[in-house]
Amino acid sequence: MHFFNPGRTPSTERDRELIGVGHARQARAHFARHPAYRPTPVHTLTDLAGAGTVHVKDESGRMGLGSFKALGGAYAVHRLSERDGGGTTYVCASAGNHGISVAAGARELGARCVVYLSHQVPEPFAHRLRALDADVVREGDDYDASLAAALHASQEHGWRLVADTSWEGYHDIPLDVMRGYTVLFDEIEIPPTHVFVQAGVGGLAAAAAGYTRDRWGELPRIVVVEPDGAPCLLESARAGEPVHSAGAPTRLGRLDCLEPSLIAFDLLRRQADLFVTVADEQAAEAAALLARRGVALSECGAAGAAGLLALDPGTREAIALGPASRVLLVGTEGPVEPK
């Protein structure tokens, strides 16, 4: 397990213009018209890791699609359709859940969708994508390789790439994805003192930071949790610029990203209070503990809880985590069938 405290700076008006309450309300108004939209439940736990209360936002039933990603890709597809007038093929790379969201959004519009998966993504995700009428292409051994293939296909065929990560010259669409994610935070009524949020490329974590600062101010601590095998945000924060992480094998497949989203990292390096990595075994133990408390999540879905449970006493003191704390965790997805 590794820690890094980047030294947070106050949020700016530009941050709030990118991701904040106003964008969350706009996205929520869009989803409110969807017949499957319901706010997801919040489970309240006590006597966990020294915190007063721990609130777990359970995204496992989100719109029948199984994860928080249902709010991102589909929203970006609809925003693209509004700007472009539709009539195109949407393509993306995915570790599983993002592709399901993009495919659902494309099907609602009657559009074609092509999803690139690496060979490491469990086959149940491919089955679910095909059930949403998406064409599934296996390419590469990790997310970065499947993303490169999706980008090439978009350029070759003139398809619209709906990526959940950003790079120089490509940020409007992933920004819409992140704005979709803010809906889940807008559904929360109790202001947290701490937000533990897991990260792959960092889109959800940045959405959490941007929304939290706009709605609840500078006091809540934002803790970003990554797998030991894919610490791209922690390593980038240490370097002071986006870097490609060497990585190592990890079971946390939906978090196995080796390069951060540019716009997400730009916000998190200033707004996050702490970057943490956890081992696969710690995520598994956290998922098992939550299951005993009645919250069924995958190991990826419980990674934020793993970060909370793994903090040593000195780090807890450094971020003022104690009996009066109200911790928010995002249970990002339900249990996933093994490969």
C-alpha atoms as a PDB file:
ATOM      1  CA  MET A   1       0.000   0.000   0.000  1.00  0.00           C
ATOM      2  CA  HIS A   2       1.263   3.470  -0.882  1.00  0.00           C
ATOM      3  CA  PHE A   3       0.175   7.007   0.056  1.00  0.00           C
ATOM      4  CA  PHE A   4       0.801  10.421  -1.425  1.00  0.00           C
ATOM      5  CA  ASN A   5      -0.483  13.766  -0.172  1.00  0.00           C
ATOM      6  CA  PRO A   6      -0.232  16.304  -3.013  1.00  0.00           C
ATOM      7  CA  GLY A   7      -0.974  19.420  -0.960  1.00  0.00           C
ATOM      8  CA  ARG A   8      -4.420  20.580  -2.032  1.00  0.00           C
ATOM      9  CA  THR A   9      -5.160  24.059  -3.397  1.00  0.00           C
ATOM     10  CA  PRO A  10      -8.536  25.838  -3.201  1.00  0.00           C
ATOM     11  CA  SER A  11     -11.006  25.161  -6.003  1.00  0.00           C
ATOM     12  CA  THR A  12     -11.516  27.836  -8.644  1.00  0.00           C
ATOM     13  CA  GLU A  13     -14.392  29.259 -10.615  1.00  0.00           C
ATOM     14  CA  ARG A  14     -13.032  27.414 -13.651  1.00  0.00           C
ATOM     15  CA  ASP A  15     -13.291  24.104 -11.742  1.00  0.00           C
ATOM     16  CA  ARG A  16     -16.939  24.809 -10.995  1.00  0.00           C
ATOM     17  CA  GLU A  17     -17.557  25.704 -14.627  1.00  0.00           C
ATOM     18  CA  LEU A  18     -16.135  22.336 -15.693  1.00  0.00           C
ATOM     19  CA  ILE A  19     -17.778  20.073 -13.120  1.00  0.00           C
ATOM     20  CA  GLY A  20     -20.187  21.262 -10.471  1.00  0.00           C
ATOM     21  CA  VAL A  21     -23.713  21.321  -9.165  1.00  0.00           C
ATOM     22  CA  GLY A  22     -25.126  23.103 -12.224  1.00  0.00           C
ATOM     23  CA  HIS A  23     -23.900  20.377 -14.577  1.00  0.00           C
ATOM     24  CA  ALA A  24     -25.166  17.699 -12.201  1.00  0.00           C
ATOM     25  CA  ARG A  25     -28.652  19.205 -12.177  1.00  0.00           C
ATOM     26  CA  GLN A  26     -28.658  19.415 -15.980  1.00  0.00           C
ATOM     27  CA  ALA A  27     -27.627  15.758 -16.275  1.00  0.00           C
ATOM     28  CA  ARG A  28     -30.120  14.704 -13.620  1.00  0.00           C
ATOM     29  CA  ALA A  29     -32.932  16.470 -15.492  1.00  0.00           C
ATOM     30  CA  HIS A  30     -31.974  14.453 -18.565  1.00  0.00           C
ATOM     31  CA  PHE A  31     -32.095  11.145 -16.688  1.00  0.00           C
ATOM     32  CA  ALA A  32     -35.305  12.067 -14.869  1.00  0.00           C
ATOM     33  CA  ARG A  33     -37.091  11.575 -18.208  1.00  0.00           C
ATOM     34  CA  HIS A  34     -35.756   8.016 -18.489  1.00  0.00           C
ATOM     35  CA  PRO A  35     -38.220   5.321 -17.332  1.00  0.00           C
ATOM     36  CA  ALA A  36     -35.453   3.328 -15.613  1.00  0.00           C
ATOM     37  CA  TYR A  37     -34.050   6.238 -13.611  1.00  0.00           C
ATOM     38  CA  ARG A  38     -34.262   6.020  -9.822  1.00  0.00           C
ATOM     39  CA  PRO A  39     -31.860   7.421  -7.219  1.00  0.00           C
ATOM     40  CA  THR A  40     -29.731   4.555  -5.945  1.00  0.00           C
ATOM     41  CA  PRO A  41     -29.812   3.604  -2.252  1.00  0.00           C
ATOM     42  CA  VAL A  42     -27.353   4.660   0.429  1.00  0.00           C
ATOM     43  CA  HIS A  43     -26.416   2.093   3.088  1.00  0.00           C
ATOM     44  CA  THR A  44     -25.338   3.540   6.432  1.00  0.00           C
ATOM     45  CA  LEU A  45     -22.778   1.570   8.431  1.00  0.00           C
ATOM     46  CA  THR A  46     -21.250   2.246  11.827  1.00  0.00           C
ATOM     47  CA  ASP A  47     -18.161   0.949  13.623  1.00  0.00           C
ATOM     48  CA  LEU A  48     -16.067   0.832  10.468  1.00  0.00           C
ATOM     49  CA  ALA A  49     -12.415   1.920  10.361  1.00  0.00           C
ATOM     50  CA  GLY A  50     -12.821   4.387  13.225  1.00  0.00           C
ATOM     51  CA  ALA A  51     -15.339   6.590  11.412  1.00  0.00           C
ATOM     52  CA  GLY A  52     -18.570   7.738  13.036  1.00  0.00           C
ATOM     53  CA  THR A  53     -20.742   6.763  10.082  1.00  0.00           C
ATOM     54  CA  VAL A  54     -19.945   5.334   6.663  1.00  0.00           C
ATOM     55  CA  HIS A  55     -22.443   5.882   3.855  1.00  0.00           C
ATOM     56  CA  VAL A  56     -22.133   3.522   0.884  1.00  0.00           C
ATOM     57  CA  LYS A  57     -23.792   4.771  -2.311  1.00  0.00           C
ATOM     58  CA  ASP A  58     -24.808   1.485  -3.919  1.00  0.00           C
ATOM     59  CA  GLU A  59     -24.612   1.758  -7.715  1.00  0.00           C
ATOM     60  CA  SER A  60     -25.078  -1.974  -8.357  1.00  0.00           C
ATOM     61  CA  GLY A  61     -28.664  -1.494  -9.544  1.00  0.00           C
ATOM     62  CA  ARG A  62     -28.188   1.732 -11.514  1.00  0.00           C
ATOM     63  CA  MET A  63     -30.819   1.788 -14.286  1.00  0.00           C
ATOM     64  CA  GLY A  64     -30.610  -1.988 -14.646  1.00  0.00           C
ATOM     65  CA  LEU A  65     -27.053  -1.706 -16.036  1.00  0.00           C
ATOM     66  CA  GLY A  66     -25.157  -2.693 -12.904  1.00  0.00           C
ATOM     67  CA  SER A  67     -22.823   0.230 -12.230  1.00  0.00           C
ATOM     68  CA  PHE A  68     -22.366   3.994 -11.937  1.00  0.00           C
ATOM     69  CA  LYS A  69     -21.068   3.979 -15.520  1.00  0.00           C
ATOM     70  CA  ALA A  70     -24.708   3.943 -16.662  1.00  0.00           C
ATOM     71  CA  LEU A  71     -24.705   7.688 -15.983  1.00  0.00           C
ATOM     72  CA  GLY A  72     -21.617   8.541 -18.039  1.00  0.00           C
ATOM     73  CA  GLY A  73     -21.358   6.993 -21.486  1.00  0.00           C
ATOM     74  CA  ALA A  74     -25.085   7.138 -22.215  1.00  0.00           C
ATOM     75  CA  TYR A  75     -25.219  10.805 -21.236  1.00  0.00           C
ATOM     76  CA  ALA A  76     -22.269  11.618 -23.490  1.00  0.00           C
ATOM     77  CA  VAL A  77     -23.922   9.773 -26.401  1.00  0.00           C
ATOM     78  CA  HIS A  78     -27.104  11.808 -26.004  1.00  0.00           C
ATOM     79  CA  ARG A  79     -25.143  15.060 -25.754  1.00  0.00           C
ATOM     80  CA  LEU A  80     -23.257  14.121 -28.916  1.00  0.00           C
ATOM     81  CA  SER A  81     -26.514  13.343 -30.700  1.00  0.00           C
ATOM     82  CA  GLU A  82     -27.912  16.740 -29.732  1.00  0.00           C
ATOM     83  CA  ARG A  83     -24.824  18.471 -31.157  1.00  0.00           C
ATOM     84  CA  ASP A  84     -24.370  16.315 -34.272  1.00  0.00           C
ATOM     85  CA  GLY A  85     -27.959  15.425 -35.106  1.00  0.00           C
ATOM     86  CA  GLY A  86     -27.379  11.667 -34.768  1.00  0.00           C
ATOM     87  CA  GLY A  87     -27.018   9.299 -37.691  1.00  0.00           C
ATOM     88  CA  THR A  88     -23.593   7.935 -36.777  1.00  0.00           C
ATOM     89  CA  THR A  89     -21.877   4.885 -35.288  1.00  0.00           C
ATOM     90  CA  TYR A  90     -20.571   5.235 -31.756  1.00  0.00           C
ATOM     91  CA  VAL A  91     -17.388   3.406 -30.766  1.00  0.00           C
ATOM     92  CA  CYS A  92     -15.571   3.059 -27.463  1.00  0.00           C
ATOM     93  CA  ALA A  93     -13.088   0.979 -25.548  1.00  0.00           C
ATOM     94  CA  SER A  94     -14.152  -0.452 -22.242  1.00  0.00           C
ATOM     95  CA  ALA A  95     -13.128  -2.582 -19.313  1.00  0.00           C
ATOM     96  CA  GLY A  96     -16.797  -3.597 -19.199  1.00  0.00           C
ATOM     97  CA  ASN A  97     -19.158  -1.056 -17.683  1.00  0.00           C
ATOM     98  CA  HIS A  98     -18.440   2.029 -19.811  1.00  0.00           C
ATOM     99  CA  GLY A  99     -19.204   0.074 -22.969  1.00  0.00           C
ATOM    100  CA  ILE A 100     -22.520  -1.091 -21.539  1.00  0.00           C
ATOM    101  CA  SER A 101     -23.508   2.524 -20.911  1.00  0.00           C
ATOM    102  CA  VAL A 102     -22.461   3.680 -24.391  1.00  0.00           C
ATOM    103  CA  ALA A 103     -24.290   0.738 -25.960  1.00  0.00           C
ATOM    104  CA  ALA A 104     -27.444   1.512 -23.971  1.00  0.00           C
ATOM    105  CA  GLY A 105     -27.336   5.155 -25.048  1.00  0.00           C
ATOM    106  CA  ALA A 106     -26.795   4.215 -28.702  1.00  0.00           C
ATOM    107  CA  ARG A 107     -29.647   1.711 -28.664  1.00  0.00           C
ATOM    108  CA  GLU A 108     -32.007   4.345 -27.259  1.00  0.00           C
ATOM    109  CA  LEU A 109     -31.160   6.471 -30.301  1.00  0.00           C
ATOM    110  CA  GLY A 110     -31.426   3.580 -32.733  1.00  0.00           C
ATOM    111  CA  ALA A 111     -27.721   3.932 -33.563  1.00  0.00           C
ATOM    112  CA  ARG A 112     -24.997   1.364 -34.097  1.00  0.00           C
ATOM    113  CA  CYS A 113     -22.401   0.825 -31.365  1.00  0.00           C
ATOM    114  CA  VAL A 114     -19.013  -0.933 -31.526  1.00  0.00           C
ATOM    115  CA  VAL A 115     -17.179  -1.732 -28.276  1.00  0.00           C
ATOM    116  CA  TYR A 116     -13.535  -2.763 -28.089  1.00  0.00           C
ATOM    117  CA  LEU A 117     -12.611  -5.011 -25.160  1.00  0.00           C
ATOM    118  CA  SER A 118      -9.191  -6.285 -24.185  1.00  0.00           C
ATOM    119  CA  HIS A 119      -8.696 -10.032 -23.890  1.00  0.00           C
ATOM    120  CA  GLN A 120      -8.681  -9.626 -20.087  1.00  0.00           C
ATOM    121  CA  VAL A 121     -12.286  -8.384 -19.801  1.00  0.00           C
ATOM    122  CA  PRO A 122     -14.556 -11.170 -18.484  1.00  0.00           C
ATOM    123  CA  GLU A 123     -16.853 -12.700 -21.090  1.00  0.00           C
ATOM    124  CA  PRO A 124     -20.064 -11.871 -19.154  1.00  0.00           C
ATOM    125  CA  PHE A 125     -19.485  -8.217 -20.108  1.00  0.00           C
ATOM    126  CA  ALA A 126     -19.314  -9.201 -23.789  1.00  0.00           C
ATOM    127  CA  HIS A 127     -22.608 -11.094 -23.427  1.00  0.00           C
ATOM    128  CA  ARG A 128     -24.276  -8.062 -21.865  1.00  0.00           C
ATOM    129  CA  LEU A 129     -22.963  -5.792 -24.619  1.00  0.00           C
ATOM    130  CA  ARG A 130     -24.317  -8.061 -27.355  1.00  0.00           C
ATOM    131  CA  ALA A 131     -27.671  -8.130 -25.555  1.00  0.00           C
ATOM    132  CA  LEU A 132     -27.679  -4.335 -26.018  1.00  0.00           C
ATOM    133  CA  ASP A 133     -27.120  -4.833 -29.786  1.00  0.00           C
ATOM    134  CA  ALA A 134     -23.466  -3.730 -29.642  1.00  0.00           C
ATOM    135  CA  ASP A 135     -20.780  -5.236 -31.857  1.00  0.00           C
ATOM    136  CA  VAL A 136     -17.948  -6.524 -29.657  1.00  0.00           C
ATOM    137  CA  VAL A 137     -14.331  -6.590 -30.837  1.00  0.00           C
ATOM    138  CA  ARG A 138     -11.555  -8.149 -28.745  1.00  0.00           C
ATOM    139  CA  GLU A 139      -8.273  -6.269 -29.134  1.00  0.00           C
ATOM    140  CA  GLY A 140      -5.148  -6.066 -26.975  1.00  0.00           C
ATOM    141  CA  ASP A 141      -4.120  -7.293 -23.555  1.00  0.00           C
ATOM    142  CA  ASP A 142      -5.182  -4.238 -21.538  1.00  0.00           C
ATOM    143  CA  TYR A 143      -7.471  -1.212 -21.625  1.00  0.00           C
ATOM    144  CA  ASP A 144      -4.871   1.049 -23.223  1.00  0.00           C
ATOM    145  CA  ALA A 145      -4.479  -1.331 -26.164  1.00  0.00           C
ATOM    146  CA  SER A 146      -8.232  -1.609 -26.711  1.00  0.00           C
ATOM    147  CA  LEU A 147      -8.520   2.194 -26.525  1.00  0.00           C
ATOM    148  CA  ALA A 148      -5.845   2.582 -29.202  1.00  0.00           C
ATOM    149  CA  ALA A 149      -7.797   0.161 -31.401  1.00  0.00           C
ATOM    150  CA  ALA A 150     -11.063   2.037 -30.862  1.00  0.00           C
ATOM    151  CA  LEU A 151      -9.379   5.352 -31.691  1.00  0.00           C
ATOM    152  CA  HIS A 152      -7.935   3.891 -34.895  1.00  0.00           C
ATOM    153  CA  ALA A 153     -11.349   2.505 -35.901  1.00  0.00           C
ATOM    154  CA  SER A 154     -13.001   5.887 -35.301  1.00  0.00           C
ATOM    155  CA  GLN A 155     -10.475   7.590 -37.553  1.00  0.00           C
ATOM    156  CA  GLU A 156     -10.633   4.910 -40.230  1.00  0.00           C
ATOM    157  CA  HIS A 157     -14.432   4.712 -40.453  1.00  0.00           C
ATOM    158  CA  GLY A 158     -15.522   8.198 -39.378  1.00  0.00           C
ATOM    159  CA  TRP A 159     -17.215   6.866 -36.228  1.00  0.00           C
ATOM    160  CA  ARG A 160     -17.752   8.976 -33.090  1.00  0.00           C
ATOM    161  CA  LEU A 161     -15.393   7.932 -30.310  1.00  0.00           C
ATOM    162  CA  VAL A 162     -16.993   8.053 -26.849  1.00  0.00           C
ATOM    163  CA  ALA A 163     -14.029   7.655 -24.508  1.00  0.00           C
ATOM    164  CA  ASP A 164     -14.133   7.994 -20.736  1.00  0.00           C
ATOM    165  CA  THR A 165     -10.577   9.322 -20.687  1.00  0.00           C
ATOM    166  CA  SER A 166      -9.107  12.493 -22.170  1.00  0.00           C
ATOM    167  CA  TRP A 167      -5.887  13.617 -23.805  1.00  0.00           C
ATOM    168  CA  GLU A 168      -4.557  16.718 -25.529  1.00  0.00           C
ATOM    169  CA  GLY A 169      -7.176  17.840 -28.065  1.00  0.00           C
ATOM    170  CA  TYR A 170      -9.855  15.390 -26.851  1.00  0.00           C
ATOM    171  CA  HIS A 171     -11.781  16.490 -23.784  1.00  0.00           C
ATOM    172  CA  ASP A 172     -15.388  17.572 -24.538  1.00  0.00           C
ATOM    173  CA  ILE A 173     -16.830  14.056 -24.698  1.00  0.00           C
ATOM    174  CA  PRO A 174     -15.068  12.650 -21.591  1.00  0.00           C
ATOM    175  CA  LEU A 175     -16.105  15.826 -19.784  1.00  0.00           C
ATOM    176  CA  ASP A 176     -19.742  14.989 -20.571  1.00  0.00           C
ATOM    177  CA  VAL A 177     -19.096  11.470 -19.275  1.00  0.00           C
ATOM    178  CA  MET A 178     -17.806  12.912 -16.008  1.00  0.00           C
ATOM    179  CA  ARG A 179     -20.741  15.314 -15.751  1.00  0.00           C
ATOM    180  CA  GLY A 180     -23.065  12.338 -16.033  1.00  0.00           C
ATOM    181  CA  TYR A 181     -21.340  10.740 -13.048  1.00  0.00           C
ATOM    182  CA  THR A 182     -22.087  13.780 -10.878  1.00  0.00           C
ATOM    183  CA  VAL A 183     -25.758  12.743 -10.799  1.00  0.00           C
ATOM    184  CA  LEU A 184     -24.994  10.094  -8.193  1.00  0.00           C
ATOM    185  CA  PHE A 185     -23.490  12.711  -5.864  1.00  0.00           C
ATOM    186  CA  ASP A 186     -26.419  15.052  -6.458  1.00  0.00           C
ATOM    187  CA  GLU A 187     -28.704  12.341  -5.047  1.00  0.00           C
ATOM    188  CA  ILE A 188     -26.904  12.451  -1.682  1.00  0.00           C
ATOM    189  CA  GLU A 189     -28.561  14.447   1.100  1.00  0.00           C
ATOM    190  CA  ILE A 190     -26.081  14.227   3.987  1.00  0.00           C
ATOM    191  CA  PRO A 191     -22.880  16.261   3.501  1.00  0.00           C
ATOM    192  CA  PRO A 192     -19.788  14.058   3.965  1.00  0.00           C
ATOM    193  CA  THR A 193     -16.596  14.972   5.765  1.00  0.00           C
ATOM    194  CA  HIS A 194     -14.612  12.455   3.688  1.00  0.00           C
ATOM    195  CA  VAL A 195     -15.119  10.975   0.221  1.00  0.00           C
ATOM    196  CA  PHE A 196     -13.219   7.805  -0.680  1.00  0.00           C
ATOM    197  CA  VAL A 197     -13.499   7.101  -4.388  1.00  0.00           C
ATOM    198  CA  GLN A 198     -11.775   4.482  -6.517  1.00  0.00           C
ATOM    199  CA  ALA A 199     -10.115   5.400  -9.787  1.00  0.00           C
ATOM    200  CA  GLY A 200      -9.066   3.945 -13.108  1.00  0.00           C
ATOM    201  CA  VAL A 201      -8.317   6.908 -15.383  1.00  0.00           C
ATOM    202  CA  GLY A 202      -9.818   9.201 -12.725  1.00  0.00           C
ATOM    203  CA  GLY A 203     -13.135  10.322 -14.234  1.00  0.00           C
ATOM    204  CA  LEU A 204     -15.340   9.354 -11.293  1.00  0.00           C
ATOM    205  CA  ALA A 205     -12.829  10.667  -8.751  1.00  0.00           C
ATOM    206  CA  ALA A 206     -12.627  14.011 -10.537  1.00  0.00           C
ATOM    207  CA  ALA A 207     -16.424  14.184 -10.752  1.00  0.00           C
ATOM    208  CA  ALA A 208     -16.562  13.550  -7.003  1.00  0.00           C
ATOM    209  CA  ALA A 209     -13.986  16.247  -6.278  1.00  0.00           C
ATOM    210  CA  GLY A 210     -15.519  18.841  -8.579  1.00  0.00           C
ATOM    211  CA  TYR A 211     -19.056  18.303  -7.314  1.00  0.00           C
ATOM    212  CA  THR A 212     -18.036  18.089  -3.649  1.00  0.00           C
ATOM    213  CA  ARG A 213     -16.106  21.351  -3.710  1.00  0.00           C
ATOM    214  CA  ASP A 214     -18.929  23.198  -5.474  1.00  0.00           C
ATOM    215  CA  ARG A 215     -21.686  21.945  -3.183  1.00  0.00           C
ATOM    216  CA  TRP A 216     -20.011  21.376   0.179  1.00  0.00           C
ATOM    217  CA  GLY A 217     -16.934  23.589   0.027  1.00  0.00           C
ATOM    218  CA  GLU A 218     -13.283  23.006   0.850  1.00  0.00           C
ATOM    219  CA  LEU A 219     -13.625  21.012   4.086  1.00  0.00           C
ATOM    220  CA  PRO A 220     -14.507  17.474   2.861  1.00  0.00           C
ATOM    221  CA  ARG A 221     -11.391  15.376   2.293  1.00  0.00           C
ATOM    222  CA  ILE A 222     -11.145  13.623  -1.074  1.00  0.00           C
ATOM    223  CA  VAL A 223      -9.232  10.323  -1.042  1.00  0.00           C
ATOM    224  CA  VAL A 224      -8.455   8.657  -4.389  1.00  0.00           C
ATOM    225  CA  VAL A 225      -7.987   4.868  -4.264  1.00  0.00           C
ATOM    226  CA  GLU A 226      -6.205   2.856  -6.985  1.00  0.00           C
ATOM    227  CA  PRO A 227      -4.947  -0.725  -7.342  1.00  0.00           C
ATOM    228  CA  ASP A 228      -1.302  -1.371  -6.495  1.00  0.00           C
ATOM    229  CA  GLY A 229      -0.991  -2.704 -10.033  1.00  0.00           C
ATOM    230  CA  ALA A 230      -2.275   0.459 -11.749  1.00  0.00           C
ATOM    231  CA  PRO A 231      -1.296   3.562  -9.757  1.00  0.00           C
ATOM    232  CA  CYS A 232      -1.313   6.029 -12.654  1.00  0.00           C
ATOM    233  CA  LEU A 233      -2.874   8.893 -10.691  1.00  0.00           C
ATOM    234  CA  LEU A 234      -0.661   8.487  -7.637  1.00  0.00           C
ATOM    235  CA  GLU A 235       2.477   8.299  -9.786  1.00  0.00           C
ATOM    236  CA  SER A 236       1.332  11.274 -11.873  1.00  0.00           C
ATOM    237  CA  ALA A 237       0.632  13.306  -8.734  1.00  0.00           C
ATOM    238  CA  ARG A 238       4.109  12.514  -7.448  1.00  0.00           C
ATOM    239  CA  ALA A 239       5.636  13.516 -10.781  1.00  0.00           C
ATOM    240  CA  GLY A 240       3.531  16.674 -11.051  1.00  0.00           C
ATOM    241  CA  GLU A 241       2.460  15.722 -14.568  1.00  0.00           C
ATOM    242  CA  PRO A 242       0.606  12.854 -16.288  1.00  0.00           C
ATOM    243  CA  VAL A 243       2.821   9.764 -16.568  1.00  0.00           C
ATOM    244  CA  HIS A 244       2.357   6.243 -17.914  1.00  0.00           C
ATOM    245  CA  SER A 245       2.515   3.739 -15.068  1.00  0.00           C
ATOM    246  CA  ALA A 246       4.479   0.534 -15.647  1.00  0.00           C
ATOM    247  CA  GLY A 247       1.740  -1.405 -13.861  1.00  0.00           C
ATOM    248  CA  ALA A 248       1.514  -4.999 -12.706  1.00  0.00           C
ATOM    249  CA  PRO A 249      -1.148  -7.738 -12.928  1.00  0.00           C
ATOM    250  CA  THR A 250      -4.277  -6.965 -10.885  1.00  0.00           C
ATOM    251  CA  ARG A 251      -7.668  -8.584 -10.456  1.00  0.00           C
ATOM    252  CA  LEU A 252      -9.276  -5.145 -10.259  1.00  0.00           C
ATOM    253  CA  GLY A 253      -9.935  -5.116 -13.985  1.00  0.00           C
ATOM    254  CA  ARG A 254     -12.245  -2.105 -14.208  1.00  0.00           C
ATOM    255  CA  LEU A 255      -9.546  -0.041 -12.459  1.00  0.00           C
ATOM    256  CA  ASP A 256      -6.597  -1.416 -14.429  1.00  0.00           C
ATOM    257  CA  CYS A 257      -5.644   1.803 -16.238  1.00  0.00           C
ATOM    258  CA  LEU A 258      -2.041   2.842 -16.740  1.00  0.00           C
ATOM    259  CA  GLU A 259      -2.464   6.431 -17.925  1.00  0.00           C
ATOM    260  CA  PRO A 260      -4.691   9.103 -16.359  1.00  0.00           C
ATOM    261  CA  SER A 261      -7.361  11.157 -18.064  1.00  0.00           C
ATOM    262  CA  LEU A 262      -5.798  14.565 -18.678  1.00  0.00           C
ATOM    263  CA  ILE A 263      -8.736  16.677 -17.472  1.00  0.00           C
ATOM    264  CA  ALA A 264      -9.362  14.379 -14.498  1.00  0.00           C
ATOM    265  CA  PHE A 265      -5.743  14.507 -13.398  1.00  0.00           C
ATOM    266  CA  ASP A 266      -5.592  18.279 -13.772  1.00  0.00           C
ATOM    267  CA  LEU A 267      -8.442  18.623 -11.297  1.00  0.00           C
ATOM    268  CA  LEU A 268      -7.377  15.860  -8.907  1.00  0.00           C
ATOM    269  CA  ARG A 269      -3.777  16.975  -8.511  1.00  0.00           C
ATOM    270  CA  ARG A 270      -5.166  20.217  -7.062  1.00  0.00           C
ATOM    271  CA  GLN A 271      -8.333  19.009  -5.354  1.00  0.00           C
ATOM    272  CA  ALA A 272      -7.524  15.571  -3.898  1.00  0.00           C
ATOM    273  CA  ASP A 273      -6.251  15.374  -0.325  1.00  0.00           C
ATOM    274  CA  LEU A 274      -4.722  11.918  -0.557  1.00  0.00           C
ATOM    275  CA  PHE A 275      -3.871   9.241  -3.136  1.00  0.00           C
ATOM    276  CA  VAL A 276      -3.882   5.643  -1.882  1.00  0.00           C
ATOM    277  CA  THR A 277      -3.199   2.269  -3.480  1.00  0.00           C
ATOM    278  CA  VAL A 278      -4.586  -1.060  -2.285  1.00  0.00           C
ATOM    279  CA  ALA A 279      -3.688  -4.675  -2.998  1.00  0.00           C
ATOM    280  CA  ASP A 280      -6.125  -7.068  -4.645  1.00  0.00           C
ATOM    281  CA  GLU A 281      -6.404  -8.976  -1.379  1.00  0.00           C
ATOM    282  CA  GLN A 282      -7.410  -5.824   0.501  1.00  0.00           C
ATOM    283  CA  ALA A 283     -10.171  -5.131  -2.027  1.00  0.00           C
ATOM    284  CA  ALA A 284     -11.393  -8.718  -1.691  1.00  0.00           C
ATOM    285  CA  GLU A 285     -11.449  -8.433   2.098  1.00  0.00           C
ATOM    286  CA  ALA A 286     -13.374  -5.153   1.881  1.00  0.00           C
ATOM    287  CA  ALA A 287     -15.953  -6.704  -0.469  1.00  0.00           C
ATOM    288  CA  ALA A 288     -16.382  -9.642   1.910  1.00  0.00           C
ATOM    289  CA  LEU A 289     -16.801  -7.333   4.917  1.00  0.00           C
ATOM    290  CA  LEU A 290     -19.403  -5.221   3.126  1.00  0.00           C
ATOM    291  CA  ALA A 291     -21.249  -8.357   2.028  1.00  0.00           C
ATOM    292  CA  ARG A 292     -21.495  -9.410   5.677  1.00  0.00           C
ATOM    293  CA  ARG A 293     -23.002  -5.974   6.355  1.00  0.00           C
ATOM    294  CA  GLY A 294     -25.591  -6.501   3.610  1.00  0.00           C
ATOM    295  CA  VAL A 295     -23.905  -4.556   0.767  1.00  0.00           C
ATOM    296  CA  ALA A 296     -23.048  -6.803  -2.213  1.00  0.00           C
ATOM    297  CA  LEU A 297     -20.296  -5.330  -4.399  1.00  0.00           C
ATOM    298  CA  SER A 298     -17.471  -6.580  -6.582  1.00  0.00           C
ATOM    299  CA  GLU A 299     -13.879  -6.167  -5.486  1.00  0.00           C
ATOM    300  CA  CYS A 300     -13.627  -3.115  -7.768  1.00  0.00           C
ATOM    301  CA  GLY A 301     -16.862  -1.795  -6.314  1.00  0.00           C
ATOM    302  CA  ALA A 302     -15.426  -2.115  -2.805  1.00  0.00           C
ATOM    303  CA  ALA A 303     -12.016  -0.596  -3.584  1.00  0.00           C
ATOM    304  CA  GLY A 304     -12.911   2.719  -1.948  1.00  0.00           C
ATOM    305  CA  ALA A 305     -13.822   0.838   1.222  1.00  0.00           C
ATOM    306  CA  ALA A 306     -10.511  -1.002   0.986  1.00  0.00           C
ATOM    307  CA  GLY A 307      -8.711   2.333   0.971  1.00  0.00           C
ATOM    308  CA  LEU A 308     -10.589   3.428   4.079  1.00  0.00           C
ATOM    309  CA  LEU A 309      -9.889   0.179   5.916  1.00  0.00           C
ATOM    310  CA  ALA A 310      -6.197   0.202   5.031  1.00  0.00           C
ATOM    311  CA  LEU A 311      -5.318   3.630   6.454  1.00  0.00           C
ATOM    312  CA  ASP A 312      -2.808   3.575   9.283  1.00  0.00           C
ATOM    313  CA  PRO A 313      -3.442   5.657  12.436  1.00  0.00           C
ATOM    314  CA  GLY A 314      -1.061   8.416  11.372  1.00  0.00           C
ATOM    315  CA  THR A 315      -2.750   8.872   8.016  1.00  0.00           C
ATOM    316  CA  ARG A 316      -6.202   8.872   9.621  1.00  0.00           C
ATOM    317  CA  GLU A 317      -5.050  11.627  11.953  1.00  0.00           C
ATOM    318  CA  ALA A 318      -3.553  13.579   9.044  1.00  0.00           C
ATOM    319  CA  ILE A 319      -6.913  13.702   7.259  1.00  0.00           C
ATOM    320  CA  ALA A 320      -8.910  14.210  10.491  1.00  0.00           C
ATOM    321  CA  LEU A 321     -10.738  10.881  10.221  1.00  0.00           C
ATOM    322  CA  GLY A 322     -12.352  10.000  13.534  1.00  0.00           C
ATOM    323  CA  PRO A 323     -15.566   9.244  15.467  1.00  0.00           C
ATOM    324  CA  ALA A 324     -17.281  12.423  14.223  1.00  0.00           C
ATOM    325  CA  SER A 325     -16.531  11.708  10.560  1.00  0.00           C
ATOM    326  CA  ARG A 326     -19.181  11.023   7.925  1.00  0.00           C
ATOM    327  CA  VAL A 327     -17.492   9.007   5.192  1.00  0.00           C
ATOM    328  CA  LEU A 328     -18.964   8.599   1.727  1.00  0.00           C
ATOM    329  CA  LEU A 329     -18.005   5.520  -0.294  1.00  0.00           C
ATOM    330  CA  VAL A 330     -19.170   4.786  -3.835  1.00  0.00           C
ATOM    331  CA  GLY A 331     -20.066   1.137  -4.369  1.00  0.00           C
ATOM    332  CA  THR A 332     -19.394   1.430  -8.067  1.00  0.00           C
ATOM    333  CA  GLU A 333     -20.643  -1.958  -9.269  1.00  0.00           C
ATOM    334  CA  GLY A 334     -22.308  -5.153  -8.135  1.00  0.00           C
ATOM    335  CA  PRO A 335     -20.680  -8.595  -8.017  1.00  0.00           C
ATOM    336  CA  VAL A 336     -19.194  -9.703 -11.335  1.00  0.00           C
ATOM    337  CA  GLU A 337     -19.006 -13.296 -12.519  1.00  0.00           C
ATOM    338  CA  PRO A 338     -15.412 -14.585 -12.656  1.00  0.00           C
ATOM    339  CA  LYS A 339     -13.688 -14.921 -16.013  1.00  0.00           C
END
